[in-house]
PDB file of N, CA and C in Angstrom:
ATOM      1  N   MET A   1      59.200 -28.359 123.334  1.00  0.00           N
ATOM      2  CA  MET A   1      59.086 -27.295 124.406  1.00  0.00           C
ATOM      3  C   MET A   1      57.429 -27.503 124.541  1.00  0.00           C
ATOM      4  N   LYS A   2      56.781 -27.640 123.774  1.00  0.00           N
ATOM      5  CA  LYS A   2      55.216 -27.794 123.661  1.00  0.00           C
ATOM      6  C   LYS A   2      55.041 -29.279 124.648  1.00  0.00           C
ATOM      7  N   LEU A   3      55.758 -30.211 124.050  1.00  0.00           N
ATOM      8  CA  LEU A   3      55.626 -31.393 124.705  1.00  0.00           C
ATOM      9  C   LEU A   3      55.835 -31.474 126.005  1.00  0.00           C
ATOM     10  N   SER A   4      56.819 -30.966 126.263  1.00  0.00           N
ATOM     11  CA  SER A   4      57.398 -30.917 127.949  1.00  0.00           C
ATOM     12  C   SER A   4      56.497 -29.971 128.685  1.00  0.00           C
ATOM     13  N   ALA A   5      56.083 -29.032 128.059  1.00  0.00           N
ATOM     14  CA  ALA A   5      54.644 -28.091 128.938  1.00  0.00           C
ATOM     15  C   ALA A   5      53.571 -28.816 129.143  1.00  0.00           C
ATOM     16  N   ARG A   6      53.485 -29.701 127.969  1.00  0.00           N
ATOM     17  CA  ARG A   6      51.993 -30.447 128.130  1.00  0.00           C
ATOM     18  C   ARG A   6      52.071 -31.442 129.099  1.00  0.00           C
ATOM     19  N   LEU A   7      53.065 -32.196 129.278  1.00  0.00           N
ATOM     20  CA  LEU A   7      53.543 -33.345 130.099  1.00  0.00           C
ATOM     21  C   LEU A   7      53.394 -32.749 131.423  1.00  0.00           C
ATOM     22  N   LEU A   8      54.165 -31.600 131.864  1.00  0.00           N
ATOM     23  CA  LEU A   8      54.309 -30.730 133.087  1.00  0.00           C
ATOM     24  C   LEU A   8      52.790 -30.531 133.626  1.00  0.00           C
ATOM     25  N   ASN A   9      51.722 -29.916 132.780  1.00  0.00           N
ATOM     26  CA  ASN A   9      50.470 -29.667 133.005  1.00  0.00           C
ATOM     27  C   ASN A   9      49.868 -31.026 133.416  1.00  0.00           C
ATOM     28  N   ILE A  10      49.851 -32.054 132.738  1.00  0.00           N
ATOM     29  CA  ILE A  10      49.307 -33.521 132.997  1.00  0.00           C
ATOM     30  C   ILE A  10      49.696 -33.787 134.609  1.00  0.00           C
ATOM     31  N   LEU A  11      50.892 -33.823 134.876  1.00  0.00           N
ATOM     32  CA  LEU A  11      51.768 -34.266 135.820  1.00  0.00           C
ATOM     33  C   LEU A  11      50.986 -33.323 137.262  1.00  0.00           C
ATOM     34  N   LYS A  12      51.017 -31.832 136.862  1.00  0.00           N
ATOM     35  CA  LYS A  12      50.314 -31.051 137.942  1.00  0.00           C
ATOM     36  C   LYS A  12      48.909 -31.389 138.388  1.00  0.00           C
ATOM     37  N   ASN A  13      48.337 -32.198 137.480  1.00  0.00           N
ATOM     38  CA  ASN A  13      46.728 -32.335 137.588  1.00  0.00           C
ATOM     39  C   ASN A  13      46.664 -33.398 139.056  1.00  0.00           C
ATOM     40  N   LYS A  14      45.845 -32.913 140.124  1.00  0.00           N
ATOM     41  CA  LYS A  14      46.038 -33.617 141.204  1.00  0.00           C
ATOM     42  C   LYS A  14      45.424 -35.012 141.049  1.00  0.00           C
ATOM     43  N   TYR A  15      44.685 -35.203 140.233  1.00  0.00           N
ATOM     44  CA  TYR A  15      43.977 -36.694 139.967  1.00  0.00           C
ATOM     45  C   TYR A  15      45.035 -37.524 139.477  1.00  0.00           C
ATOM     46  N   VAL A  16      45.808 -36.973 138.328  1.00  0.00           N
ATOM     47  CA  VAL A  16      46.923 -37.809 137.899  1.00  0.00           C
ATOM     48  C   VAL A  16      47.935 -37.927 138.995  1.00  0.00           C
ATOM     49  N   LEU A  17      48.232 -36.977 139.774  1.00  0.00           N
ATOM     50  CA  LEU A  17      49.316 -37.239 140.609  1.00  0.00           C
ATOM     51  C   LEU A  17      48.888 -38.073 141.682  1.00  0.00           C
ATOM     52  N   SER A  18      47.661 -38.210 142.026  1.00  0.00           N
ATOM     53  CA  SER A  18      47.310 -38.750 143.122  1.00  0.00           C
ATOM     54  C   SER A  18      47.192 -40.612 142.765  1.00  0.00           C
ATOM     55  N   LEU A  19      46.491 -40.627 141.354  1.00  0.00           N
ATOM     56  CA  LEU A  19      46.783 -41.940 140.641  1.00  0.00           C
ATOM     57  C   LEU A  19      48.137 -42.644 140.760  1.00  0.00           C
ATOM     58  N   LEU A  20      49.166 -41.599 140.257  1.00  0.00           N
ATOM     59  CA  LEU A  20      50.460 -42.191 140.097  1.00  0.00           C
ATOM     60  C   LEU A  20      51.082 -42.580 141.395  1.00  0.00           C
ATOM     61  N   VAL A  21      50.786 -41.659 142.532  1.00  0.00           N
ATOM     62  CA  VAL A  21      51.324 -42.113 143.788  1.00  0.00           C
ATOM     63  C   VAL A  21      50.568 -43.511 144.222  1.00  0.00           C
ATOM     64  N   PHE A  22      49.284 -43.654 144.139  1.00  0.00           N
ATOM     65  CA  PHE A  22      48.505 -44.953 144.369  1.00  0.00           C
ATOM     66  C   PHE A  22      49.340 -45.741 143.801  1.00  0.00           C
ATOM     67  N   VAL A  23      49.609 -46.036 142.528  1.00  0.00           N
ATOM     68  CA  VAL A  23      50.042 -46.985 141.949  1.00  0.00           C
ATOM     69  C   VAL A  23      51.406 -47.423 142.093  1.00  0.00           C
ATOM     70  N   VAL A  24      52.401 -46.318 142.520  1.00  0.00           N
ATOM     71  CA  VAL A  24      53.621 -46.509 143.044  1.00  0.00           C
ATOM     72  C   VAL A  24      53.648 -47.136 144.312  1.00  0.00           C
ATOM     73  N   TRP A  25      52.592 -46.713 145.185  1.00  0.00           N
ATOM     74  CA  TRP A  25      52.696 -47.143 146.534  1.00  0.00           C
ATOM     75  C   TRP A  25      51.814 -48.675 146.451  1.00  0.00           C
ATOM     76  N   MET A  26      51.095 -49.040 145.807  1.00  0.00           N
ATOM     77  CA  MET A  26      50.495 -50.373 145.700  1.00  0.00           C
ATOM     78  C   MET A  26      51.602 -51.140 144.958  1.00  0.00           C
ATOM     79  N   TRP A  27      52.537 -50.849 143.972  1.00  0.00           N
ATOM     80  CA  TRP A  27      53.499 -51.559 143.470  1.00  0.00           C
ATOM     81  C   TRP A  27      54.635 -51.972 144.389  1.00  0.00           C
ATOM     82  N   PHE A  28      55.142 -51.037 145.224  1.00  0.00           N
ATOM     83  CA  PHE A  28      56.442 -51.332 145.972  1.00  0.00           C
ATOM     84  C   PHE A  28      56.230 -51.415 147.497  1.00  0.00           C
ATOM     85  N   PHE A  29      55.121 -50.511 147.991  1.00  0.00           N
ATOM     86  CA  PHE A  29      55.330 -50.500 149.481  1.00  0.00           C
ATOM     87  C   PHE A  29      54.048 -51.177 150.177  1.00  0.00           C
ATOM     88  N   ASP A  30      53.037 -51.617 149.481  1.00  0.00           N
ATOM     89  CA  ASP A  30      52.010 -52.352 150.015  1.00  0.00           C
ATOM     90  C   ASP A  30      52.540 -53.590 150.635  1.00  0.00           C
ATOM     91  N   PRO A  31      51.914 -53.988 151.685  1.00  0.00           N
ATOM     92  CA  PRO A  31      52.342 -55.454 152.395  1.00  0.00           C
ATOM     93  C   PRO A  31      52.162 -56.474 151.522  1.00  0.00           C
ATOM     94  N   LYS A  32      51.125 -56.316 150.533  1.00  0.00           N
ATOM     95  CA  LYS A  32      50.781 -57.580 149.253  1.00  0.00           C
ATOM     96  C   LYS A  32      51.142 -56.696 147.846  1.00  0.00           C
ATOM     97  N   ASP A  33      52.450 -56.669 147.901  1.00  0.00           N
ATOM     98  CA  ASP A  33      53.000 -56.074 146.624  1.00  0.00           C
ATOM     99  C   ASP A  33      53.047 -57.351 145.556  1.00  0.00           C
ATOM    100  N   TRP A  34      53.559 -57.041 144.374  1.00  0.00           N
ATOM    101  CA  TRP A  34      53.558 -57.784 143.507  1.00  0.00           C
ATOM    102  C   TRP A  34      54.566 -58.795 143.754  1.00  0.00           C
ATOM    103  N   ARG A  35      55.511 -58.596 144.186  1.00  0.00           N
ATOM    104  CA  ARG A  35      56.613 -59.656 144.505  1.00  0.00           C
ATOM    105  C   ARG A  35      56.063 -60.802 145.323  1.00  0.00           C
ATOM    106  N   LEU A  36      55.198 -60.368 146.348  1.00  0.00           N
ATOM    107  CA  LEU A  36      54.717 -61.532 147.245  1.00  0.00           C
ATOM    108  C   LEU A  36      53.707 -62.170 146.404  1.00  0.00           C
ATOM    109  N   ILE A  37      52.985 -61.422 145.604  1.00  0.00           N
ATOM    110  CA  ILE A  37      51.890 -62.342 144.866  1.00  0.00           C
ATOM    111  C   ILE A  37      52.638 -63.264 143.982  1.00  0.00           C
ATOM    112  N   ALA A  38      53.652 -63.024 142.998  1.00  0.00           N
ATOM    113  CA  ALA A  38      54.405 -63.810 142.322  1.00  0.00           C
ATOM    114  C   ALA A  38      55.006 -64.985 143.210  1.00  0.00           C
ATOM    115  N   ALA A  39      55.510 -64.721 144.529  1.00  0.00           N
ATOM    116  CA  ALA A  39      56.025 -65.749 144.943  1.00  0.00           C
ATOM    117  C   ALA A  39      54.870 -66.623 145.280  1.00  0.00           C
ATOM    118  N   ARG A  40      53.854 -66.074 145.916  1.00  0.00           N
ATOM    119  CA  ARG A  40      52.665 -66.932 146.118  1.00  0.00           C
ATOM    120  C   ARG A  40      52.173 -67.852 145.063  1.00  0.00           C
ATOM    121  N   LYS A  41      52.163 -67.552 144.018  1.00  0.00           N
ATOM    122  CA  LYS A  41      51.665 -68.146 142.642  1.00  0.00           C
ATOM    123  C   LYS A  41      52.648 -69.513 142.461  1.00  0.00           C
ATOM    124  N   GLU A  42      54.050 -68.921 142.684  1.00  0.00           N
ATOM    125  CA  GLU A  42      55.098 -69.942 142.226  1.00  0.00           C
ATOM    126  C   GLU A  42      55.065 -71.070 143.424  1.00  0.00           C
ATOM    127  N   LYS A  43      54.830 -70.632 144.833  1.00  0.00           N
ATOM    128  CA  LYS A  43      54.724 -71.701 145.694  1.00  0.00           C
ATOM    129  C   LYS A  43      53.208 -72.498 145.466  1.00  0.00           C
ATOM    130  N   LEU A  44      52.139 -71.840 145.078  1.00  0.00           N
ATOM    131  CA  LEU A  44      50.924 -72.896 144.835  1.00  0.00           C
ATOM    132  C   LEU A  44      51.212 -73.914 143.672  1.00  0.00           C
ATOM    133  N   ARG A  45      51.993 -73.386 142.509  1.00  0.00           N
ATOM    134  CA  ARG A  45      52.201 -74.107 141.521  1.00  0.00           C
ATOM    135  C   ARG A  45      53.052 -75.286 142.160  1.00  0.00           C
ATOM    136  N   GLU A  46      54.028 -75.171 142.826  1.00  0.00           N
ATOM    137  CA  GLU A  46      55.119 -76.085 143.209  1.00  0.00           C
ATOM    138  C   GLU A  46      54.186 -76.996 144.216  1.00  0.00           C
ATOM    139  N   LEU A  47      53.323 -76.867 145.086  1.00  0.00           N
ATOM    140  CA  LEU A  47      52.450 -77.408 145.947  1.00  0.00           C
ATOM    141  C   LEU A  47      51.414 -78.372 145.242  1.00  0.00           C
ATOM    142  N   GLN A  48      50.853 -77.545 143.992  1.00  0.00           N
ATOM    143  CA  GLN A  48      50.112 -78.531 143.245  1.00  0.00           C
ATOM    144  C   GLN A  48      50.730 -79.691 142.270  1.00  0.00           C
ATOM    145  N   GLU A  49      51.896 -79.411 141.960  1.00  0.00           N
ATOM    146  CA  GLU A  49      52.950 -80.239 141.321  1.00  0.00           C
ATOM    147  C   GLU A  49      53.008 -81.574 142.472  1.00  0.00           C
ATOM    148  N   SER A  50      53.507 -81.100 143.655  1.00  0.00           N
ATOM    149  CA  SER A  50      53.689 -82.020 144.706  1.00  0.00           C
ATOM    150  C   SER A  50      52.430 -82.843 144.968  1.00  0.00           C
ATOM    151  N   GLU A  51      51.184 -82.239 145.038  1.00  0.00           N
ATOM    152  CA  GLU A  51      50.218 -82.789 145.273  1.00  0.00           C
ATOM    153  C   GLU A  51      49.733 -83.876 144.131  1.00  0.00           C
ATOM    154  N   GLU A  52      49.969 -83.717 143.007  1.00  0.00           N
ATOM    155  CA  GLU A  52      49.681 -84.445 141.956  1.00  0.00           C
ATOM    156  C   GLU A  52      50.639 -85.396 141.930  1.00  0.00           C
ATOM    157  N   MET A  53      51.983 -85.635 142.226  1.00  0.00           N
ATOM    158  CA  MET A  53      52.781 -86.546 142.324  1.00  0.00           C
ATOM    159  C   MET A  53      52.650 -87.350 143.455  1.00  0.00           C
ATOM    160  N   LEU A  54      52.335 -86.847 144.845  1.00  0.00           N
ATOM    161  CA  LEU A  54      51.614 -87.720 145.824  1.00  0.00           C
ATOM    162  C   LEU A  54      50.538 -88.468 145.414  1.00  0.00           C
ATOM    163  N   ASN A  55      49.333 -88.077 144.959  1.00  0.00           N
ATOM    164  CA  ASN A  55      48.432 -88.823 144.530  1.00  0.00           C
ATOM    165  C   ASN A  55      48.561 -89.916 143.753  1.00  0.00           C
ATOM    166  N   LYS A  56      49.643 -89.622 142.541  1.00  0.00           N
ATOM    167  CA  LYS A  56      50.003 -90.864 141.863  1.00  0.00           C
ATOM    168  C   LYS A  56      50.713 -91.774 142.678  1.00  0.00           C
ATOM    169  N   GLN A  57      51.591 -91.416 143.647  1.00  0.00           N
ATOM    170  CA  GLN A  57      52.227 -92.439 144.461  1.00  0.00           C
ATOM    171  C   GLN A  57      51.095 -93.304 145.477  1.00  0.00           C
ATOM    172  N   ILE A  58      50.315 -92.635 145.649  1.00  0.00           N
ATOM    173  CA  ILE A  58      49.265 -93.236 146.697  1.00  0.00           C
ATOM    174  C   ILE A  58      48.347 -94.431 145.838  1.00  0.00           C
ATOM    175  N   LYS A  59      48.039 -94.048 144.456  1.00  0.00           N
ATOM    176  CA  LYS A  59      47.360 -94.873 143.692  1.00  0.00           C
ATOM    177  C   LYS A  59      48.361 -96.081 143.311  1.00  0.00           C
ATOM    178  N   GLU A  60      49.684 -95.684 143.195  1.00  0.00           N
ATOM    179  CA  GLU A  60      50.479 -96.902 142.933  1.00  0.00           C
ATOM    180  C   GLU A  60      50.610 -97.775 144.279  1.00  0.00           C
ATOM    181  N   THR A  61      50.863 -97.018 145.607  1.00  0.00           N
ATOM    182  CA  THR A  61      50.594 -97.824 146.523  1.00  0.00           C
ATOM    183  C   THR A  61      49.502 -98.555 146.880  1.00  0.00           C
ATOM    184  N   GLN A  62      48.374 -98.180 146.548  1.00  0.00           N
ATOM    185  CA  GLN A  62      47.185 -98.991 146.798  1.00  0.00           C
ATOM    186  C   GLN A  62      47.026-100.121 145.766  1.00  0.00           C
ATOM    187  N   THR A  63      47.428 -99.768 144.483  1.00  0.00           N
ATOM    188  CA  THR A  63      47.231-101.029 143.561  1.00  0.00           C
ATOM    189  C   THR A  63      48.335-102.091 144.034  1.00  0.00           C
ATOM    190  N   GLU A  64      49.468-101.863 144.518  1.00  0.00           N
ATOM    191  CA  GLU A  64      50.365-102.891 145.114  1.00  0.00           C
ATOM    192  C   GLU A  64      49.937-103.598 146.340  1.00  0.00           C
ATOM    193  N   LEU A  65      49.428-102.761 147.218  1.00  0.00           N
ATOM    194  CA  LEU A  65      48.747-103.326 148.415  1.00  0.00           C
ATOM    195  C   LEU A  65      47.332-104.252 148.099  1.00  0.00           C
ATOM    196  N   ASN A  66      46.737-103.632 147.100  1.00  0.00           N
ATOM    197  CA  ASN A  66      45.695-104.618 146.586  1.00  0.00           C
ATOM    198  C   ASN A  66      46.379-106.166 146.035  1.00  0.00           C
ATOM    199  N   LEU A  67      47.404-106.044 145.013  1.00  0.00           N
ATOM    200  CA  LEU A  67      47.941-107.219 144.635  1.00  0.00           C
ATOM    201  C   LEU A  67      48.555-108.028 145.641  1.00  0.00           C
ATOM    202  N   LEU A  68      49.078-107.424 146.938  1.00  0.00           N
ATOM    203  CA  LEU A  68      49.586-108.198 147.913  1.00  0.00           C
ATOM    204  C   LEU A  68      48.630-108.990 148.667  1.00  0.00           C
ATOM    205  N   LYS A  69      47.339-108.248 148.813  1.00  0.00           N
ATOM    206  CA  LYS A  69      46.503-108.790 149.466  1.00  0.00           C
ATOM    207  C   LYS A  69      45.876-110.171 148.887  1.00  0.00           C
ATOM    208  N   THR A  70      45.742-110.050 147.573  1.00  0.00           N
ATOM    209  CA  THR A  70      45.046-111.023 146.990  1.00  0.00           C
ATOM    210  C   THR A  70      45.966-112.095 146.056  1.00  0.00           C
ATOM    211  N   ASN A  71      47.316-111.879 146.083  1.00  0.00           N
ATOM    212  CA  ASN A  71      47.907-112.738 144.907  1.00  0.00           C
ATOM    213  C   ASN A  71      49.177-113.416 145.858  1.00  0.00           C
ATOM    214  N   ALA A  72      49.206-114.586 145.957  1.00  0.00           N
ATOM    215  CA  ALA A  72      50.601-115.340 146.629  1.00  0.00           C
ATOM    216  C   ALA A  72      51.744-115.014 145.880  1.00  0.00           C
ATOM    217  N   GLN A  73      51.670-115.304 144.557  1.00  0.00           N
ATOM    218  CA  GLN A  73      52.852-114.788 143.778  1.00  0.00           C
ATOM    219  C   GLN A  73      53.362-113.576 143.907  1.00  0.00           C
ATOM    220  N   THR A  74      52.312-112.539 143.954  1.00  0.00           N
ATOM    221  CA  THR A  74      53.167-111.137 144.161  1.00  0.00           C
ATOM    222  C   THR A  74      53.555-111.040 145.794  1.00  0.00           C
ATOM    223  N   ILE A  75      53.102-111.766 146.771  1.00  0.00           N
ATOM    224  CA  ILE A  75      53.702-111.514 147.935  1.00  0.00           C
ATOM    225  C   ILE A  75      55.358-112.099 147.783  1.00  0.00           C
ATOM    226  N   GLU A  76      55.307-113.353 147.371  1.00  0.00           N
ATOM    227  CA  GLU A  76      56.697-113.982 147.270  1.00  0.00           C
ATOM    228  C   GLU A  76      57.705-113.280 146.307  1.00  0.00           C
ATOM    229  N   LYS A  77      57.255-112.594 145.123  1.00  0.00           N
ATOM    230  CA  LYS A  77      57.833-111.515 144.542  1.00  0.00           C
ATOM    231  C   LYS A  77      58.371-110.492 145.206  1.00  0.00           C
ATOM    232  N   TYR A  78      57.297-109.932 145.882  1.00  0.00           N
ATOM    233  CA  TYR A  78      57.713-108.506 146.815  1.00  0.00           C
ATOM    234  C   TYR A  78      58.685-108.881 147.917  1.00  0.00           C
ATOM    235  N   ALA A  79      58.527-110.081 148.451  1.00  0.00           N
ATOM    236  CA  ALA A  79      59.555-110.727 149.456  1.00  0.00           C
ATOM    237  C   ALA A  79      60.853-110.568 148.954  1.00  0.00           C
ATOM    238  N   ARG A  80      61.100-111.314 147.723  1.00  0.00           N
ATOM    239  CA  ARG A  80      62.359-111.493 147.111  1.00  0.00           C
ATOM    240  C   ARG A  80      63.048-110.120 146.767  1.00  0.00           C
ATOM    241  N   GLU A  81      62.106-109.208 146.027  1.00  0.00           N
ATOM    242  CA  GLU A  81      62.674-108.045 145.711  1.00  0.00           C
ATOM    243  C   GLU A  81      63.279-107.084 146.636  1.00  0.00           C
ATOM    244  N   LYS A  82      62.256-107.012 147.603  1.00  0.00           N
ATOM    245  CA  LYS A  82      62.343-105.771 148.914  1.00  0.00           C
ATOM    246  C   LYS A  82      63.305-106.375 149.948  1.00  0.00           C
ATOM    247  N   TYR A  83      63.010-107.305 150.325  1.00  0.00           N
ATOM    248  CA  TYR A  83      63.821-107.994 151.429  1.00  0.00           C
ATOM    249  C   TYR A  83      64.498-109.164 151.339  1.00  0.00           C
ATOM    250  N   TYR A  84      65.000-109.141 149.970  1.00  0.00           N
ATOM    251  CA  TYR A  84      66.163-110.317 149.463  1.00  0.00           C
ATOM    252  C   TYR A  84      65.796-111.496 150.110  1.00  0.00           C
ATOM    253  N   MET A  85      64.615-112.013 150.529  1.00  0.00           N
ATOM    254  CA  MET A  85      64.373-113.291 151.092  1.00  0.00           C
ATOM    255  C   MET A  85      64.694-114.324 150.151  1.00  0.00           C
ATOM    256  N   LYS A  86      64.983-115.735 150.522  1.00  0.00           N
ATOM    257  CA  LYS A  86      65.002-116.789 149.564  1.00  0.00           C
ATOM    258  C   LYS A  86      64.795-118.015 150.023  1.00  0.00           C
ATOM    259  N   LYS A  87      64.649-119.003 149.331  1.00  0.00           N
ATOM    260  CA  LYS A  87      64.140-120.341 149.642  1.00  0.00           C
ATOM    261  C   LYS A  87      65.231-121.249 150.239  1.00  0.00           C
ATOM    262  N   ASP A  88      65.133-122.143 151.082  1.00  0.00           N
ATOM    263  CA  ASP A  88      66.312-122.755 151.600  1.00  0.00           C
ATOM    264  C   ASP A  88      67.184-123.418 150.742  1.00  0.00           C
ATOM    265  N   ASN A  89      66.907-123.860 149.685  1.00  0.00           N
ATOM    266  CA  ASN A  89      67.895-124.553 148.604  1.00  0.00           C
ATOM    267  C   ASN A  89      68.191-123.408 147.596  1.00  0.00           C
ATOM    268  N   GLU A  90      68.399-122.140 147.706  1.00  0.00           N
ATOM    269  CA  GLU A  90      68.799-121.300 146.709  1.00  0.00           C
ATOM    270  C   GLU A  90      69.786-120.543 147.369  1.00  0.00           C
ATOM    271  N   ASP A  91      70.736-119.884 146.165  1.00  0.00           N
ATOM    272  CA  ASP A  91      71.424-118.871 146.562  1.00  0.00           C
ATOM    273  C   ASP A  91      71.326-117.521 146.254  1.00  0.00           C
ATOM    274  N   LEU A  92      71.457-116.526 146.816  1.00  0.00           N
ATOM    275  CA  LEU A  92      71.036-115.244 146.610  1.00  0.00           C
ATOM    276  C   LEU A  92      72.424-114.299 146.218  1.00  0.00           C
ATOM    277  N   PHE A  93      72.463-113.625 144.985  1.00  0.00           N
ATOM    278  CA  PHE A  93      73.519-113.003 144.528  1.00  0.00           C
ATOM    279  C   PHE A  93      72.890-111.434 144.523  1.00  0.00           C
ATOM    280  N   VAL A  94      73.322-110.457 145.267  1.00  0.00           N
ATOM    281  CA  VAL A  94      72.737-109.242 144.875  1.00  0.00           C
ATOM    282  C   VAL A  94      73.822-108.456 144.299  1.00  0.00           C
ATOM    283  N   VAL A  95      73.235-107.594 143.042  1.00  0.00           N
ATOM    284  CA  VAL A  95      74.228-107.220 141.957  1.00  0.00           C
ATOM    285  C   VAL A  95      73.769-105.747 142.073  1.00  0.00           C
ATOM    286  N   PRO A  96      74.572-104.700 142.700  1.00  0.00           N
ATOM    287  CA  PRO A  96      74.206-103.455 142.828  1.00  0.00           C
ATOM    288  C   PRO A  96      73.963-102.519 141.306  1.00  0.00           C
ATOM    289  N   GLU A  97      72.969-101.748 141.500  1.00  0.00           N
ATOM    290  CA  GLU A  97      72.703-101.187 140.202  1.00  0.00           C
ATOM    291  C   GLU A  97      73.773-100.044 139.690  1.00  0.00           C
ATOM    292  N   GLN A  98      74.136 -99.766 138.558  1.00  0.00           N
ATOM    293  CA  GLN A  98      75.381 -98.854 138.143  1.00  0.00           C
ATOM    294  C   GLN A  98      74.475 -97.731 137.872  1.00  0.00           C
ATOM    295  N   PRO A  99      75.029 -96.455 138.464  1.00  0.00           N
ATOM    296  CA  PRO A  99      74.382 -95.119 138.256  1.00  0.00           C
ATOM    297  C   PRO A  99      74.351 -94.673 136.769  1.00  0.00           C
TER     298      PRO A  99
END
């Protein structure tokens, strides 16, 4: 009985009541509530991962481009692998990769 009476007295305090209303308002009804913040953090994490992946692809492409600009053997290898080009006296067999 004493505990419930004491809890009721605490909840009747205008400062505690206003703090409780404020917390509930900020937690659920504010336009920048916790769900929005969590969703934005998740989106930020996804974008950062995407940025890292794209930066890695850019570096790989720049390296490949540098090799293509400087090395004739790389150009021939690239043409054979990517565009299936061949010399006049060669036969070309394309074997599809198995998944």
